[in-house]
PDB file of N, CA and C in Angstrom:
ATOM      1  N   MET A   1     111.489  96.711 103.663  1.00  0.00           N
ATOM      2  CA  MET A   1     110.008  96.580 103.645  1.00  0.00           C
ATOM      3  C   MET A   1     109.740  97.234 101.784  1.00  0.00           C
ATOM      4  N   ASP A   2     108.948  95.990 101.183  1.00  0.00           N
ATOM      5  CA  ASP A   2     108.860  96.348  99.617  1.00  0.00           C
ATOM      6  C   ASP A   2     108.120  96.790  99.112  1.00  0.00           C
ATOM      7  N   LYS A   3     108.078  98.042  98.393  1.00  0.00           N
ATOM      8  CA  LYS A   3     107.247  99.053  98.438  1.00  0.00           C
ATOM      9  C   LYS A   3     106.801  98.786  96.839  1.00  0.00           C
ATOM     10  N   GLY A   4     107.052  97.249  96.367  1.00  0.00           N
ATOM     11  CA  GLY A   4     106.374  97.018  94.920  1.00  0.00           C
ATOM     12  C   GLY A   4     105.106  97.411  94.478  1.00  0.00           C
ATOM     13  N   PRO A   5     104.462  96.864  93.464  1.00  0.00           N
ATOM     14  CA  PRO A   5     103.178  97.399  93.088  1.00  0.00           C
ATOM     15  C   PRO A   5     102.452  96.209  93.711  1.00  0.00           C
ATOM     16  N   GLU A   6     102.315  95.229  94.853  1.00  0.00           N
ATOM     17  CA  GLU A   6     101.685  94.326  95.057  1.00  0.00           C
ATOM     18  C   GLU A   6     101.262  95.108  96.429  1.00  0.00           C
ATOM     19  N   THR A   7     101.828  95.975  96.669  1.00  0.00           N
ATOM     20  CA  THR A   7     102.138  96.707  98.108  1.00  0.00           C
ATOM     21  C   THR A   7     100.806  97.106  98.340  1.00  0.00           C
ATOM     22  N   LYS A   8      99.741  96.925  99.568  1.00  0.00           N
ATOM     23  CA  LYS A   8      98.856  97.636  99.707  1.00  0.00           C
ATOM     24  C   LYS A   8      98.581  98.835 100.874  1.00  0.00           C
ATOM     25  N   TRP A   9      98.388  99.864 100.481  1.00  0.00           N
ATOM     26  CA  TRP A   9      98.661 100.735 101.455  1.00  0.00           C
ATOM     27  C   TRP A   9      97.369 101.117 102.171  1.00  0.00           C
ATOM     28  N   ILE A  10      97.543 101.438 103.429  1.00  0.00           N
ATOM     29  CA  ILE A  10      95.773 101.819 104.174  1.00  0.00           C
ATOM     30  C   ILE A  10      96.365 102.899 104.931  1.00  0.00           C
ATOM     31  N   LYS A  11      95.139 103.760 104.644  1.00  0.00           N
ATOM     32  CA  LYS A  11      95.165 105.418 105.061  1.00  0.00           C
ATOM     33  C   LYS A  11      94.963 104.912 106.986  1.00  0.00           C
ATOM     34  N   ILE A  12      95.994 105.448 107.392  1.00  0.00           N
ATOM     35  CA  ILE A  12      95.713 105.291 108.881  1.00  0.00           C
ATOM     36  C   ILE A  12      94.962 106.381 109.956  1.00  0.00           C
ATOM     37  N   THR A  13      95.185 107.834 109.227  1.00  0.00           N
ATOM     38  CA  THR A  13      94.633 109.225 109.909  1.00  0.00           C
ATOM     39  C   THR A  13      95.014 110.006 109.049  1.00  0.00           C
ATOM     40  N   GLU A  14      94.601 111.110 109.340  1.00  0.00           N
ATOM     41  CA  GLU A  14      94.377 112.557 108.605  1.00  0.00           C
ATOM     42  C   GLU A  14      94.077 113.763 109.214  1.00  0.00           C
ATOM     43  N   THR A  15      94.766 114.703 109.350  1.00  0.00           N
ATOM     44  CA  THR A  15      94.989 115.821 109.575  1.00  0.00           C
ATOM     45  C   THR A  15      94.874 116.919 109.135  1.00  0.00           C
ATOM     46  N   ALA A  16      94.566 118.259 109.527  1.00  0.00           N
ATOM     47  CA  ALA A  16      94.430 119.119 108.422  1.00  0.00           C
ATOM     48  C   ALA A  16      95.730 120.288 108.822  1.00  0.00           C
ATOM     49  N   ASN A  17      96.607 119.350 109.743  1.00  0.00           N
ATOM     50  CA  ASN A  17      97.566 120.252 110.269  1.00  0.00           C
ATOM     51  C   ASN A  17      99.236 119.678 109.508  1.00  0.00           C
ATOM     52  N   HIS A  18      99.706 120.323 108.969  1.00  0.00           N
ATOM     53  CA  HIS A  18     100.572 119.524 108.290  1.00  0.00           C
ATOM     54  C   HIS A  18     101.721 119.058 109.093  1.00  0.00           C
ATOM     55  N   ILE A  19     101.905 119.976 109.935  1.00  0.00           N
ATOM     56  CA  ILE A  19     103.146 120.056 111.139  1.00  0.00           C
ATOM     57  C   ILE A  19     102.644 118.708 111.911  1.00  0.00           C
ATOM     58  N   GLN A  20     101.823 118.783 112.294  1.00  0.00           N
ATOM     59  CA  GLN A  20     101.172 117.162 113.220  1.00  0.00           C
ATOM     60  C   GLN A  20     101.568 116.259 112.403  1.00  0.00           C
ATOM     61  N   ALA A  21     100.819 116.107 111.063  1.00  0.00           N
ATOM     62  CA  ALA A  21     101.045 115.137 110.190  1.00  0.00           C
ATOM     63  C   ALA A  21     102.915 114.612 110.123  1.00  0.00           C
ATOM     64  N   GLU A  22     103.424 115.898 110.218  1.00  0.00           N
ATOM     65  CA  GLU A  22     105.037 115.593 109.674  1.00  0.00           C
ATOM     66  C   GLU A  22     105.533 114.789 111.461  1.00  0.00           C
ATOM     67  N   LEU A  23     105.061 115.316 112.287  1.00  0.00           N
ATOM     68  CA  LEU A  23     105.502 114.687 113.800  1.00  0.00           C
ATOM     69  C   LEU A  23     104.931 113.611 113.497  1.00  0.00           C
ATOM     70  N   MET A  24     103.697 112.952 113.008  1.00  0.00           N
ATOM     71  CA  MET A  24     103.534 111.486 113.391  1.00  0.00           C
ATOM     72  C   MET A  24     104.196 110.721 112.443  1.00  0.00           C
ATOM     73  N   LYS A  25     104.797 111.581 111.403  1.00  0.00           N
ATOM     74  CA  LYS A  25     105.529 110.622 110.345  1.00  0.00           C
ATOM     75  C   LYS A  25     106.747 110.434 110.685  1.00  0.00           C
ATOM     76  N   SER A  26     107.370 111.107 111.646  1.00  0.00           N
ATOM     77  CA  SER A  26     108.766 111.141 112.362  1.00  0.00           C
ATOM     78  C   SER A  26     108.528 109.801 113.553  1.00  0.00           C
ATOM     79  N   LEU A  27     107.226 109.839 113.978  1.00  0.00           N
ATOM     80  CA  LEU A  27     107.297 108.807 115.175  1.00  0.00           C
ATOM     81  C   LEU A  27     107.094 107.323 114.584  1.00  0.00           C
ATOM     82  N   LEU A  28     106.687 107.047 113.717  1.00  0.00           N
ATOM     83  CA  LEU A  28     106.624 106.217 112.949  1.00  0.00           C
ATOM     84  C   LEU A  28     107.677 105.727 112.346  1.00  0.00           C
ATOM     85  N   GLU A  29     108.030 106.737 111.548  1.00  0.00           N
ATOM     86  CA  GLU A  29     109.795 105.861 110.869  1.00  0.00           C
ATOM     87  C   GLU A  29     110.378 105.512 111.919  1.00  0.00           C
ATOM     88  N   ASP A  30     110.506 106.576 113.069  1.00  0.00           N
ATOM     89  CA  ASP A  30     111.494 105.694 114.168  1.00  0.00           C
ATOM     90  C   ASP A  30     111.123 104.770 114.787  1.00  0.00           C
ATOM     91  N   ALA A  31     109.804 103.917 114.446  1.00  0.00           N
ATOM     92  CA  ALA A  31     109.410 102.652 115.086  1.00  0.00           C
ATOM     93  C   ALA A  31     109.863 101.574 113.368  1.00  0.00           C
ATOM     94  N   GLN A  32     110.548 102.213 112.567  1.00  0.00           N
ATOM     95  CA  GLN A  32     110.572 101.262 111.464  1.00  0.00           C
ATOM     96  C   GLN A  32     109.685 101.252 110.444  1.00  0.00           C
ATOM     97  N   ILE A  33     107.914 101.865 111.116  1.00  0.00           N
ATOM     98  CA  ILE A  33     107.354 102.151 109.938  1.00  0.00           C
ATOM     99  C   ILE A  33     107.373 102.804 108.493  1.00  0.00           C
ATOM    100  N   GLU A  34     106.926 102.228 107.625  1.00  0.00           N
ATOM    101  CA  GLU A  34     107.007 102.983 106.621  1.00  0.00           C
ATOM    102  C   GLU A  34     105.702 104.064 106.177  1.00  0.00           C
ATOM    103  N   VAL A  35     105.871 105.092 105.845  1.00  0.00           N
ATOM    104  CA  VAL A  35     105.094 105.609 105.999  1.00  0.00           C
ATOM    105  C   VAL A  35     105.179 106.895 104.298  1.00  0.00           C
ATOM    106  N   VAL A  36     103.663 107.002 103.910  1.00  0.00           N
ATOM    107  CA  VAL A  36     104.049 107.704 102.955  1.00  0.00           C
ATOM    108  C   VAL A  36     102.560 109.004 103.168  1.00  0.00           C
ATOM    109  N   LEU A  37     103.203 110.359 103.254  1.00  0.00           N
ATOM    110  CA  LEU A  37     102.073 111.507 103.332  1.00  0.00           C
ATOM    111  C   LEU A  37     101.258 112.153 101.937  1.00  0.00           C
ATOM    112  N   LEU A  38     100.130 112.081 102.180  1.00  0.00           N
ATOM    113  CA  LEU A  38      99.684 112.467 100.810  1.00  0.00           C
ATOM    114  C   LEU A  38      98.850 114.021 101.024  1.00  0.00           C
ATOM    115  N   ASN A  39      99.404 115.144 100.818  1.00  0.00           N
ATOM    116  CA  ASN A  39      99.097 116.050 101.411  1.00  0.00           C
ATOM    117  C   ASN A  39      97.659 116.800 100.087  1.00  0.00           C
ATOM    118  N   LYS A  40      96.880 116.897 100.233  1.00  0.00           N
ATOM    119  CA  LYS A  40      95.585 117.033  99.649  1.00  0.00           C
ATOM    120  C   LYS A  40      95.058 118.626 100.507  1.00  0.00           C
ATOM    121  N   GLN A  41      96.019 119.279 100.614  1.00  0.00           N
ATOM    122  CA  GLN A  41      95.635 120.656 100.992  1.00  0.00           C
ATOM    123  C   GLN A  41      95.586 121.968 100.151  1.00  0.00           C
ATOM    124  N   ASP A  42      94.813 122.829  99.833  1.00  0.00           N
ATOM    125  CA  ASP A  42      95.259 123.497  98.923  1.00  0.00           C
ATOM    126  C   ASP A  42      96.242 124.650  98.842  1.00  0.00           C
ATOM    127  N   SER A  43      96.979 124.690  98.158  1.00  0.00           N
ATOM    128  CA  SER A  43      98.282 125.323  98.391  1.00  0.00           C
ATOM    129  C   SER A  43      98.171 126.959  98.833  1.00  0.00           C
ATOM    130  N   MET A  44      97.323 127.319  98.274  1.00  0.00           N
ATOM    131  CA  MET A  44      97.136 128.591  98.471  1.00  0.00           C
ATOM    132  C   MET A  44      96.472 128.950 100.080  1.00  0.00           C
ATOM    133  N   TYR A  45      95.672 128.357 100.019  1.00  0.00           N
ATOM    134  CA  TYR A  45      94.591 128.674 101.870  1.00  0.00           C
ATOM    135  C   TYR A  45      94.880 127.969 102.747  1.00  0.00           C
ATOM    136  N   LEU A  46      95.605 126.311 102.478  1.00  0.00           N
ATOM    137  CA  LEU A  46      95.626 125.588 103.250  1.00  0.00           C
ATOM    138  C   LEU A  46      94.156 124.749 103.800  1.00  0.00           C
ATOM    139  N   LEU A  47      93.570 124.643 102.844  1.00  0.00           N
ATOM    140  CA  LEU A  47      92.466 123.577 103.289  1.00  0.00           C
ATOM    141  C   LEU A  47      92.493 122.797 103.113  1.00  0.00           C
ATOM    142  N   GLY A  48      92.138 121.459 103.631  1.00  0.00           N
ATOM    143  CA  GLY A  48      91.913 120.588 103.545  1.00  0.00           C
ATOM    144  C   GLY A  48      92.829 119.489 104.320  1.00  0.00           C
ATOM    145  N   GLU A  49      93.007 118.399 103.685  1.00  0.00           N
ATOM    146  CA  GLU A  49      93.712 117.245 104.849  1.00  0.00           C
ATOM    147  C   GLU A  49      95.376 116.743 104.099  1.00  0.00           C
ATOM    148  N   VAL A  50      95.940 116.421 104.891  1.00  0.00           N
ATOM    149  CA  VAL A  50      97.206 115.421 105.031  1.00  0.00           C
ATOM    150  C   VAL A  50      97.183 114.220 105.209  1.00  0.00           C
ATOM    151  N   GLU A  51      96.797 113.063 104.705  1.00  0.00           N
ATOM    152  CA  GLU A  51      96.501 111.481 105.229  1.00  0.00           C
ATOM    153  C   GLU A  51      97.759 110.961 105.368  1.00  0.00           C
ATOM    154  N   LEU A  52      97.812 109.984 106.201  1.00  0.00           N
ATOM    155  CA  LEU A  52      98.877 109.648 106.486  1.00  0.00           C
ATOM    156  C   LEU A  52      98.695 108.118 105.990  1.00  0.00           C
ATOM    157  N   TYR A  53      99.901 107.414 105.470  1.00  0.00           N
ATOM    158  CA  TYR A  53      99.501 105.678 104.686  1.00  0.00           C
ATOM    159  C   TYR A  53     100.386 105.170 105.056  1.00  0.00           C
ATOM    160  N   VAL A  54     100.409 103.710 105.630  1.00  0.00           N
ATOM    161  CA  VAL A  54     101.597 102.760 105.430  1.00  0.00           C
ATOM    162  C   VAL A  54     101.165 101.165 105.099  1.00  0.00           C
ATOM    163  N   PRO A  55     102.021 100.521 104.702  1.00  0.00           N
ATOM    164  CA  PRO A  55     101.652  99.551 104.313  1.00  0.00           C
ATOM    165  C   PRO A  55     100.674  98.586 105.713  1.00  0.00           C
ATOM    166  N   ASP A  56      99.800  97.784 104.601  1.00  0.00           N
ATOM    167  CA  ASP A  56      98.580  97.150 105.422  1.00  0.00           C
ATOM    168  C   ASP A  56      99.184  96.070 106.541  1.00  0.00           C
ATOM    169  N   SER A  57     100.433  95.787 106.401  1.00  0.00           N
ATOM    170  CA  SER A  57     100.719  94.932 107.175  1.00  0.00           C
ATOM    171  C   SER A  57     101.618  95.401 108.339  1.00  0.00           C
ATOM    172  N   GLN A  58     101.634  96.642 108.130  1.00  0.00           N
ATOM    173  CA  GLN A  58     102.280  97.812 109.408  1.00  0.00           C
ATOM    174  C   GLN A  58     101.330  98.560 109.975  1.00  0.00           C
ATOM    175  N   ALA A  59      99.792  98.803 109.818  1.00  0.00           N
ATOM    176  CA  ALA A  59      98.423  99.159 110.002  1.00  0.00           C
ATOM    177  C   ALA A  59      98.332  99.194 111.746  1.00  0.00           C
ATOM    178  N   LEU A  60      98.463  97.903 111.713  1.00  0.00           N
ATOM    179  CA  LEU A  60      98.039  97.671 113.495  1.00  0.00           C
ATOM    180  C   LEU A  60      99.094  97.993 114.249  1.00  0.00           C
ATOM    181  N   THR A  61     100.090  98.561 113.773  1.00  0.00           N
ATOM    182  CA  THR A  61     101.302  98.586 114.798  1.00  0.00           C
ATOM    183  C   THR A  61     101.369  99.941 114.628  1.00  0.00           C
ATOM    184  N   ALA A  62     100.849 100.709 113.630  1.00  0.00           N
ATOM    185  CA  ALA A  62     101.138 102.017 113.370  1.00  0.00           C
ATOM    186  C   ALA A  62      99.942 102.640 114.389  1.00  0.00           C
ATOM    187  N   HIS A  63      98.849 102.007 113.964  1.00  0.00           N
ATOM    188  CA  HIS A  63      98.062 102.599 115.070  1.00  0.00           C
ATOM    189  C   HIS A  63      97.669 102.811 116.401  1.00  0.00           C
ATOM    190  N   HIS A  64      98.285 101.611 116.799  1.00  0.00           N
ATOM    191  CA  HIS A  64      99.013 101.597 118.358  1.00  0.00           C
ATOM    192  C   HIS A  64     100.181 102.614 118.731  1.00  0.00           C
ATOM    193  N   ILE A  65     101.032 102.868 117.918  1.00  0.00           N
ATOM    194  CA  ILE A  65     102.279 103.925 118.192  1.00  0.00           C
ATOM    195  C   ILE A  65     101.638 104.893 118.435  1.00  0.00           C
ATOM    196  N   LEU A  66     100.497 105.631 117.251  1.00  0.00           N
ATOM    197  CA  LEU A  66      99.695 106.890 117.300  1.00  0.00           C
ATOM    198  C   LEU A  66      98.713 106.883 118.605  1.00  0.00           C
ATOM    199  N   SER A  67      98.389 105.868 118.578  1.00  0.00           N
ATOM    200  CA  SER A  67      97.180 106.027 119.946  1.00  0.00           C
ATOM    201  C   SER A  67      98.028 106.176 121.050  1.00  0.00           C
ATOM    202  N   LYS A  68      98.956 105.576 121.192  1.00  0.00           N
ATOM    203  CA  LYS A  68     100.096 105.821 122.759  1.00  0.00           C
ATOM    204  C   LYS A  68     100.452 106.740 122.667  1.00  0.00           C
ATOM    205  N   SER A  69     100.615 107.298 121.541  1.00  0.00           N
ATOM    206  CA  SER A  69     101.270 108.588 121.381  1.00  0.00           C
ATOM    207  C   SER A  69     100.188 109.793 121.783  1.00  0.00           C
ATOM    208  N   ASN A  70      99.116 109.812 121.282  1.00  0.00           N
ATOM    209  CA  ASN A  70      98.083 110.572 121.937  1.00  0.00           C
ATOM    210  C   ASN A  70      97.560 110.863 123.170  1.00  0.00           C
ATOM    211  N   SER A  71      97.687 109.673 123.750  1.00  0.00           N
ATOM    212  CA  SER A  71      97.580 109.440 125.300  1.00  0.00           C
ATOM    213  C   SER A  71      98.398 109.774 125.880  1.00  0.00           C
ATOM    214  N   GLU A  72      99.996 110.094 125.848  1.00  0.00           N
ATOM    215  CA  GLU A  72     100.585 110.774 126.492  1.00  0.00           C
ATOM    216  C   GLU A  72     100.418 112.374 126.723  1.00  0.00           C
ATOM    217  N   HIS A  73      99.730 112.737 125.599  1.00  0.00           N
ATOM    218  CA  HIS A  73     100.119 114.510 125.737  1.00  0.00           C
ATOM    219  C   HIS A  73      98.887 114.589 125.995  1.00  0.00           C
TER     220      HIS A  73
END
């Protein structure tokens, strides 16, 4: 997958739980989807969100995978 400057990245979800964000990232990477985590949490108090971004071309597939995973738990 191209990571050039023309790649449009879409935020597909966010969570306050960093471990959950890492698990979602791993799930998407297992499906060959590129993922970027943007940690907006305060390092001292862990307040804030961790956002997950994927390329626009993979956003629909990523949403489907995460929705399917959430419905199984």
